[in-house]
């Protein structure tokens, strides 16, 4: 029986799509810094976007590592 986790199983292809989307969103935030109402809003948006990139990368690594085990 598979161990229970908080995460639902995800197909590796969709993990790649999630990672690519997170990177794309981060780059969009960075390119459009001038559209935010304040520097603080921009920094907050960039931090959220970067956290999504990191989370997607970590999840992809966990899946890859578990496939190798």
PDB file of N, CA and C in Angstrom:
ATOM      1  N   UNK A   1       0.838  -1.178   0.000  1.00  0.00           N
ATOM      2  CA  UNK A   1       0.000   0.000   0.000  1.00  0.00           C
ATOM      3  C   UNK A   1       0.885   1.244   0.000  1.00  0.00           C
ATOM      4  N   UNK A   2       0.513   2.201  -0.815  1.00  0.00           N
ATOM      5  CA  UNK A   2       1.291   3.440  -0.933  1.00  0.00           C
ATOM      6  C   UNK A   2       1.081   4.313   0.296  1.00  0.00           C
ATOM      7  N   UNK A   3       2.137   4.997   0.750  1.00  0.00           N
ATOM      8  CA  UNK A   3       1.983   5.884   1.904  1.00  0.00           C
ATOM      9  C   UNK A   3       1.091   7.074   1.546  1.00  0.00           C
ATOM     10  N   UNK A   4       0.342   7.542   2.525  1.00  0.00           N
ATOM     11  CA  UNK A   4      -0.516   8.710   2.315  1.00  0.00           C
ATOM     12  C   UNK A   4       0.319   9.979   2.384  1.00  0.00           C
ATOM     13  N   UNK A   5       0.048  10.859   1.471  1.00  0.00           N
ATOM     14  CA  UNK A   5       0.727  12.161   1.486  1.00  0.00           C
ATOM     15  C   UNK A   5      -0.299  13.248   1.303  1.00  0.00           C
ATOM     16  N   UNK A   6       0.093  14.461   1.585  1.00  0.00           N
ATOM     17  CA  UNK A   6      -0.804  15.605   1.406  1.00  0.00           C
ATOM     18  C   UNK A   6      -0.937  15.963  -0.069  1.00  0.00           C
ATOM     19  N   UNK A   7       0.005  15.512  -0.874  1.00  0.00           N
ATOM     20  CA  UNK A   7      -0.004  15.845  -2.293  1.00  0.00           C
ATOM     21  C   UNK A   7      -0.680  14.743  -3.088  1.00  0.00           C
ATOM     22  N   UNK A   8      -1.408  15.133  -4.094  1.00  0.00           N
ATOM     23  CA  UNK A   8      -2.016  14.141  -4.969  1.00  0.00           C
ATOM     24  C   UNK A   8      -0.994  13.710  -6.000  1.00  0.00           C
ATOM     25  N   UNK A   9      -1.065  12.456  -6.448  1.00  0.00           N
ATOM     26  CA  UNK A   9      -0.125  12.009  -7.472  1.00  0.00           C
ATOM     27  C   UNK A   9      -0.261  12.857  -8.737  1.00  0.00           C
ATOM     28  N   UNK A  10       0.859  13.174  -9.337  1.00  0.00           N
ATOM     29  CA  UNK A  10       0.861  14.025 -10.519  1.00  0.00           C
ATOM     30  C   UNK A  10       1.720  13.391 -11.595  1.00  0.00           C
ATOM     31  N   UNK A  11       1.240  13.419 -12.801  1.00  0.00           N
ATOM     32  CA  UNK A  11       1.992  12.897 -13.937  1.00  0.00           C
ATOM     33  C   UNK A  11       3.221  13.789 -14.157  1.00  0.00           C
ATOM     34  N   UNK A  12       4.384  13.186 -14.397  1.00  0.00           N
ATOM     35  CA  UNK A  12       5.598  13.996 -14.583  1.00  0.00           C
ATOM     36  C   UNK A  12       5.460  15.074 -15.659  1.00  0.00           C
ATOM     37  N   UNK A  13       4.698  14.806 -16.721  1.00  0.00           N
ATOM     38  CA  UNK A  13       4.500  15.825 -17.757  1.00  0.00           C
ATOM     39  C   UNK A  13       3.796  17.039 -17.223  1.00  0.00           C
ATOM     40  N   UNK A  14       2.826  16.827 -16.343  1.00  0.00           N
ATOM     41  CA  UNK A  14       2.121  17.977 -15.785  1.00  0.00           C
ATOM     42  C   UNK A  14       3.017  18.734 -14.797  1.00  0.00           C
ATOM     43  N   UNK A  15       3.956  18.028 -14.161  1.00  0.00           N
ATOM     44  CA  UNK A  15       4.924  18.723 -13.308  1.00  0.00           C
ATOM     45  C   UNK A  15       5.788  19.657 -14.144  1.00  0.00           C
ATOM     46  N   UNK A  16       6.175  19.197 -15.319  1.00  0.00           N
ATOM     47  CA  UNK A  16       6.949  20.055 -16.220  1.00  0.00           C
ATOM     48  C   UNK A  16       6.136  21.275 -16.624  1.00  0.00           C
ATOM     49  N   UNK A  17       4.859  21.083 -16.890  1.00  0.00           N
ATOM     50  CA  UNK A  17       3.988  22.198 -17.268  1.00  0.00           C
ATOM     51  C   UNK A  17       3.833  23.172 -16.108  1.00  0.00           C
ATOM     52  N   UNK A  18       3.681  22.628 -14.889  1.00  0.00           N
ATOM     53  CA  UNK A  18       3.560  23.497 -13.713  1.00  0.00           C
ATOM     54  C   UNK A  18       4.835  24.323 -13.519  1.00  0.00           C
ATOM     55  N   UNK A  19       5.987  23.671 -13.672  1.00  0.00           N
ATOM     56  CA  UNK A  19       7.266  24.374 -13.520  1.00  0.00           C
ATOM     57  C   UNK A  19       7.421  25.452 -14.586  1.00  0.00           C
ATOM     58  N   UNK A  20       7.114  25.092 -15.836  1.00  0.00           N
ATOM     59  CA  UNK A  20       7.239  26.059 -16.929  1.00  0.00           C
ATOM     60  C   UNK A  20       6.307  27.244 -16.726  1.00  0.00           C
ATOM     61  N   UNK A  21       5.101  26.989 -16.251  1.00  0.00           N
ATOM     62  CA  UNK A  21       4.152  28.074 -16.012  1.00  0.00           C
ATOM     63  C   UNK A  21       4.639  28.974 -14.883  1.00  0.00           C
ATOM     64  N   UNK A  22       5.174  28.370 -13.828  1.00  0.00           N
ATOM     65  CA  UNK A  22       5.683  29.159 -12.706  1.00  0.00           C
ATOM     66  C   UNK A  22       6.836  30.051 -13.155  1.00  0.00           C
ATOM     67  N   UNK A  23       7.730  29.515 -13.977  1.00  0.00           N
ATOM     68  CA  UNK A  23       8.853  30.309 -14.496  1.00  0.00           C
ATOM     69  C   UNK A  23       8.338  31.431 -15.387  1.00  0.00           C
ATOM     70  N   UNK A  24       7.379  31.106 -16.246  1.00  0.00           N
ATOM     71  CA  UNK A  24       6.795  32.111 -17.130  1.00  0.00           C
ATOM     72  C   UNK A  24       6.138  33.241 -16.341  1.00  0.00           C
ATOM     73  N   UNK A  25       5.408  32.860 -15.294  1.00  0.00           N
ATOM     74  CA  UNK A  25       4.757  33.871 -14.449  1.00  0.00           C
ATOM     75  C   UNK A  25       5.784  34.750 -13.751  1.00  0.00           C
ATOM     76  N   UNK A  26       6.859  34.137 -13.263  1.00  0.00           N
ATOM     77  CA  UNK A  26       7.910  34.904 -12.598  1.00  0.00           C
ATOM     78  C   UNK A  26       8.536  35.908 -13.566  1.00  0.00           C
ATOM     79  N   UNK A  27       8.832  35.447 -14.768  1.00  0.00           N
ATOM     80  CA  UNK A  27       9.434  36.348 -15.753  1.00  0.00           C
ATOM     81  C   UNK A  27       8.473  37.471 -16.142  1.00  0.00           C
ATOM     82  N   UNK A  28       7.179  37.164 -16.199  1.00  0.00           N
ATOM     83  CA  UNK A  28       6.186  38.195 -16.525  1.00  0.00           C
ATOM     84  C   UNK A  28       6.143  39.265 -15.431  1.00  0.00           C
ATOM     85  N   UNK A  29       6.220  38.838 -14.186  1.00  0.00           N
ATOM     86  CA  UNK A  29       6.246  39.804 -13.079  1.00  0.00           C
ATOM     87  C   UNK A  29       7.487  40.670 -13.203  1.00  0.00           C
ATOM     88  N   UNK A  30       8.628  40.047 -13.451  1.00  0.00           N
ATOM     89  CA  UNK A  30       9.884  40.793 -13.546  1.00  0.00           C
ATOM     90  C   UNK A  30       9.876  41.792 -14.704  1.00  0.00           C
ATOM     91  N   UNK A  31       9.342  41.365 -15.849  1.00  0.00           N
ATOM     92  CA  UNK A  31       9.309  42.249 -17.025  1.00  0.00           C
ATOM     93  C   UNK A  31       8.348  43.418 -16.848  1.00  0.00           C
ATOM     94  N   UNK A  32       7.327  43.233 -16.033  1.00  0.00           N
ATOM     95  CA  UNK A  32       6.276  44.248 -15.908  1.00  0.00           C
ATOM     96  C   UNK A  32       6.313  44.973 -14.573  1.00  0.00           C
ATOM     97  N   UNK A  33       7.496  45.182 -14.054  1.00  0.00           N
ATOM     98  CA  UNK A  33       7.644  45.845 -12.757  1.00  0.00           C
ATOM     99  C   UNK A  33       6.962  47.210 -12.735  1.00  0.00           C
ATOM    100  N   UNK A  34       6.921  47.887 -13.862  1.00  0.00           N
ATOM    101  CA  UNK A  34       6.356  49.232 -13.914  1.00  0.00           C
ATOM    102  C   UNK A  34       4.847  49.316 -13.794  1.00  0.00           C
ATOM    103  N   UNK A  35       4.156  48.200 -13.899  1.00  0.00           N
ATOM    104  CA  UNK A  35       2.689  48.253 -13.846  1.00  0.00           C
ATOM    105  C   UNK A  35       2.145  48.166 -12.425  1.00  0.00           C
ATOM    106  N   UNK A  36       3.000  47.882 -11.462  1.00  0.00           N
ATOM    107  CA  UNK A  36       2.544  47.787 -10.072  1.00  0.00           C
ATOM    108  C   UNK A  36       2.411  49.170  -9.474  1.00  0.00           C
ATOM    109  N   UNK A  37       1.449  49.293  -8.555  1.00  0.00           N
ATOM    110  CA  UNK A  37       1.161  50.614  -7.985  1.00  0.00           C
ATOM    111  C   UNK A  37       2.265  51.114  -7.058  1.00  0.00           C
ATOM    112  N   UNK A  38       3.059  50.195  -6.533  1.00  0.00           N
ATOM    113  CA  UNK A  38       4.168  50.604  -5.676  1.00  0.00           C
ATOM    114  C   UNK A  38       5.276  49.560  -5.753  1.00  0.00           C
ATOM    115  N   UNK A  39       6.429  49.968  -5.288  1.00  0.00           N
ATOM    116  CA  UNK A  39       7.555  49.035  -5.244  1.00  0.00           C
ATOM    117  C   UNK A  39       7.243  47.869  -4.321  1.00  0.00           C
ATOM    118  N   UNK A  40       6.555  48.142  -3.228  1.00  0.00           N
ATOM    119  CA  UNK A  40       6.205  47.080  -2.277  1.00  0.00           C
ATOM    120  C   UNK A  40       5.281  46.047  -2.931  1.00  0.00           C
ATOM    121  N   UNK A  41       4.321  46.508  -3.742  1.00  0.00           N
ATOM    122  CA  UNK A  41       3.435  45.574  -4.450  1.00  0.00           C
ATOM    123  C   UNK A  41       4.230  44.717  -5.426  1.00  0.00           C
ATOM    124  N   UNK A  42       5.147  45.335  -6.130  1.00  0.00           N
ATOM    125  CA  UNK A  42       5.990  44.600  -7.077  1.00  0.00           C
ATOM    126  C   UNK A  42       6.832  43.558  -6.349  1.00  0.00           C
ATOM    127  N   UNK A  43       7.466  43.947  -5.264  1.00  0.00           N
ATOM    128  CA  UNK A  43       8.313  43.020  -4.510  1.00  0.00           C
ATOM    129  C   UNK A  43       7.491  41.852  -3.978  1.00  0.00           C
ATOM    130  N   UNK A  44       6.293  42.141  -3.471  1.00  0.00           N
ATOM    131  CA  UNK A  44       5.425  41.070  -2.972  1.00  0.00           C
ATOM    132  C   UNK A  44       5.036  40.102  -4.095  1.00  0.00           C
ATOM    133  N   UNK A  45       4.706  40.646  -5.257  1.00  0.00           N
ATOM    134  CA  UNK A  45       4.339  39.798  -6.397  1.00  0.00           C
ATOM    135  C   UNK A  45       5.527  38.958  -6.855  1.00  0.00           C
ATOM    136  N   UNK A  46       6.704  39.552  -6.881  1.00  0.00           N
ATOM    137  CA  UNK A  46       7.896  38.813  -7.298  1.00  0.00           C
ATOM    138  C   UNK A  46       8.227  37.702  -6.303  1.00  0.00           C
ATOM    139  N   UNK A  47       8.081  37.984  -5.011  1.00  0.00           N
ATOM    140  CA  UNK A  47       8.344  36.962  -3.997  1.00  0.00           C
ATOM    141  C   UNK A  47       7.368  35.793  -4.133  1.00  0.00           C
ATOM    142  N   UNK A  48       6.083  36.093  -4.347  1.00  0.00           N
ATOM    143  CA  UNK A  48       5.085  35.025  -4.531  1.00  0.00           C
ATOM    144  C   UNK A  48       5.406  34.192  -5.769  1.00  0.00           C
ATOM    145  N   UNK A  49       5.764  34.864  -6.845  1.00  0.00           N
ATOM    146  CA  UNK A  49       6.083  34.151  -8.082  1.00  0.00           C
ATOM    147  C   UNK A  49       7.322  33.281  -7.896  1.00  0.00           C
ATOM    148  N   UNK A  50       8.330  33.788  -7.205  1.00  0.00           N
ATOM    149  CA  UNK A  50       9.551  33.010  -6.985  1.00  0.00           C
ATOM    150  C   UNK A  50       9.266  31.801  -6.099  1.00  0.00           C
ATOM    151  N   UNK A  51       8.407  31.971  -5.093  1.00  0.00           N
ATOM    152  CA  UNK A  51       8.035  30.852  -4.232  1.00  0.00           C
ATOM    153  C   UNK A  51       7.358  29.750  -5.039  1.00  0.00           C
ATOM    154  N   UNK A  52       6.548  30.126  -6.019  1.00  0.00           N
ATOM    155  CA  UNK A  52       5.912  29.137  -6.899  1.00  0.00           C
ATOM    156  C   UNK A  52       6.955  28.395  -7.733  1.00  0.00           C
ATOM    157  N   UNK A  53       7.951  29.117  -8.223  1.00  0.00           N
ATOM    158  CA  UNK A  53       9.030  28.471  -8.993  1.00  0.00           C
ATOM    159  C   UNK A  53       9.758  27.462  -8.107  1.00  0.00           C
ATOM    160  N   UNK A  54      10.132  27.889  -6.906  1.00  0.00           N
ATOM    161  CA  UNK A  54      10.850  26.990  -6.002  1.00  0.00           C
ATOM    162  C   UNK A  54      10.013  25.764  -5.652  1.00  0.00           C
ATOM    163  N   UNK A  55       8.726  25.950  -5.376  1.00  0.00           N
ATOM    164  CA  UNK A  55       7.852  24.835  -5.029  1.00  0.00           C
ATOM    165  C   UNK A  55       7.730  23.854  -6.195  1.00  0.00           C
ATOM    166  N   UNK A  56       7.597  24.373  -7.396  1.00  0.00           N
ATOM    167  CA  UNK A  56       7.490  23.501  -8.572  1.00  0.00           C
ATOM    168  C   UNK A  56       8.780  22.721  -8.788  1.00  0.00           C
ATOM    169  N   UNK A  57       9.918  23.372  -8.590  1.00  0.00           N
ATOM    170  CA  UNK A  57      11.206  22.696  -8.768  1.00  0.00           C
ATOM    171  C   UNK A  57      11.395  21.608  -7.710  1.00  0.00           C
ATOM    172  N   UNK A  58      11.029  21.905  -6.462  1.00  0.00           N
ATOM    173  CA  UNK A  58      11.170  20.919  -5.393  1.00  0.00           C
ATOM    174  C   UNK A  58      10.264  19.717  -5.639  1.00  0.00           C
ATOM    175  N   UNK A  59       9.054  19.983  -6.082  1.00  0.00           N
ATOM    176  CA  UNK A  59       8.131  18.876  -6.330  1.00  0.00           C
ATOM    177  C   UNK A  59       8.643  17.999  -7.482  1.00  0.00           C
ATOM    178  N   UNK A  60       9.142  18.607  -8.522  1.00  0.00           N
ATOM    179  CA  UNK A  60       9.704  17.839  -9.634  1.00  0.00           C
ATOM    180  C   UNK A  60      10.886  16.989  -9.163  1.00  0.00           C
ATOM    181  N   UNK A  61      11.722  17.552  -8.302  1.00  0.00           N
ATOM    182  CA  UNK A  61      12.878  16.822  -7.795  1.00  0.00           C
ATOM    183  C   UNK A  61      12.435  15.651  -6.933  1.00  0.00           C
ATOM    184  N   UNK A  62      11.434  15.852  -6.073  1.00  0.00           N
ATOM    185  CA  UNK A  62      10.939  14.754  -5.235  1.00  0.00           C
ATOM    186  C   UNK A  62      10.413  13.610  -6.087  1.00  0.00           C
ATOM    187  N   UNK A  63       9.669  13.937  -7.124  1.00  0.00           N
ATOM    188  CA  UNK A  63       9.126  12.904  -8.012  1.00  0.00           C
ATOM    189  C   UNK A  63      10.258  12.177  -8.728  1.00  0.00           C
ATOM    190  N   UNK A  64      11.231  12.927  -9.223  1.00  0.00           N
ATOM    191  CA  UNK A  64      12.364  12.306  -9.907  1.00  0.00           C
ATOM    192  C   UNK A  64      13.159  11.416  -8.959  1.00  0.00           C
ATOM    193  N   UNK A  65      13.375  11.898  -7.728  1.00  0.00           N
ATOM    194  CA  UNK A  65      14.126  11.115  -6.751  1.00  0.00           C
ATOM    195  C   UNK A  65      13.366   9.838  -6.366  1.00  0.00           C
ATOM    196  N   UNK A  66      12.055   9.926  -6.234  1.00  0.00           N
ATOM    197  CA  UNK A  66      11.279   8.747  -5.856  1.00  0.00           C
ATOM    198  C   UNK A  66      11.249   7.733  -6.996  1.00  0.00           C
ATOM    199  N   UNK A  67      11.345   8.205  -8.230  1.00  0.00           N
ATOM    200  CA  UNK A  67      11.359   7.306  -9.386  1.00  0.00           C
ATOM    201  C   UNK A  67      12.680   6.545  -9.459  1.00  0.00           C
ATOM    202  N   UNK A  68      13.731   7.159  -8.927  1.00  0.00           N
ATOM    203  CA  UNK A  68      15.040   6.512  -8.954  1.00  0.00           C
ATOM    204  C   UNK A  68      15.225   5.520  -7.814  1.00  0.00           C
ATOM    205  N   UNK A  69      14.417   5.668  -6.769  1.00  0.00           N
ATOM    206  CA  UNK A  69      14.559   4.810  -5.577  1.00  0.00           C
ATOM    207  C   UNK A  69      14.078   3.397  -5.839  1.00  0.00           C
TER     208      UNK A  69
END
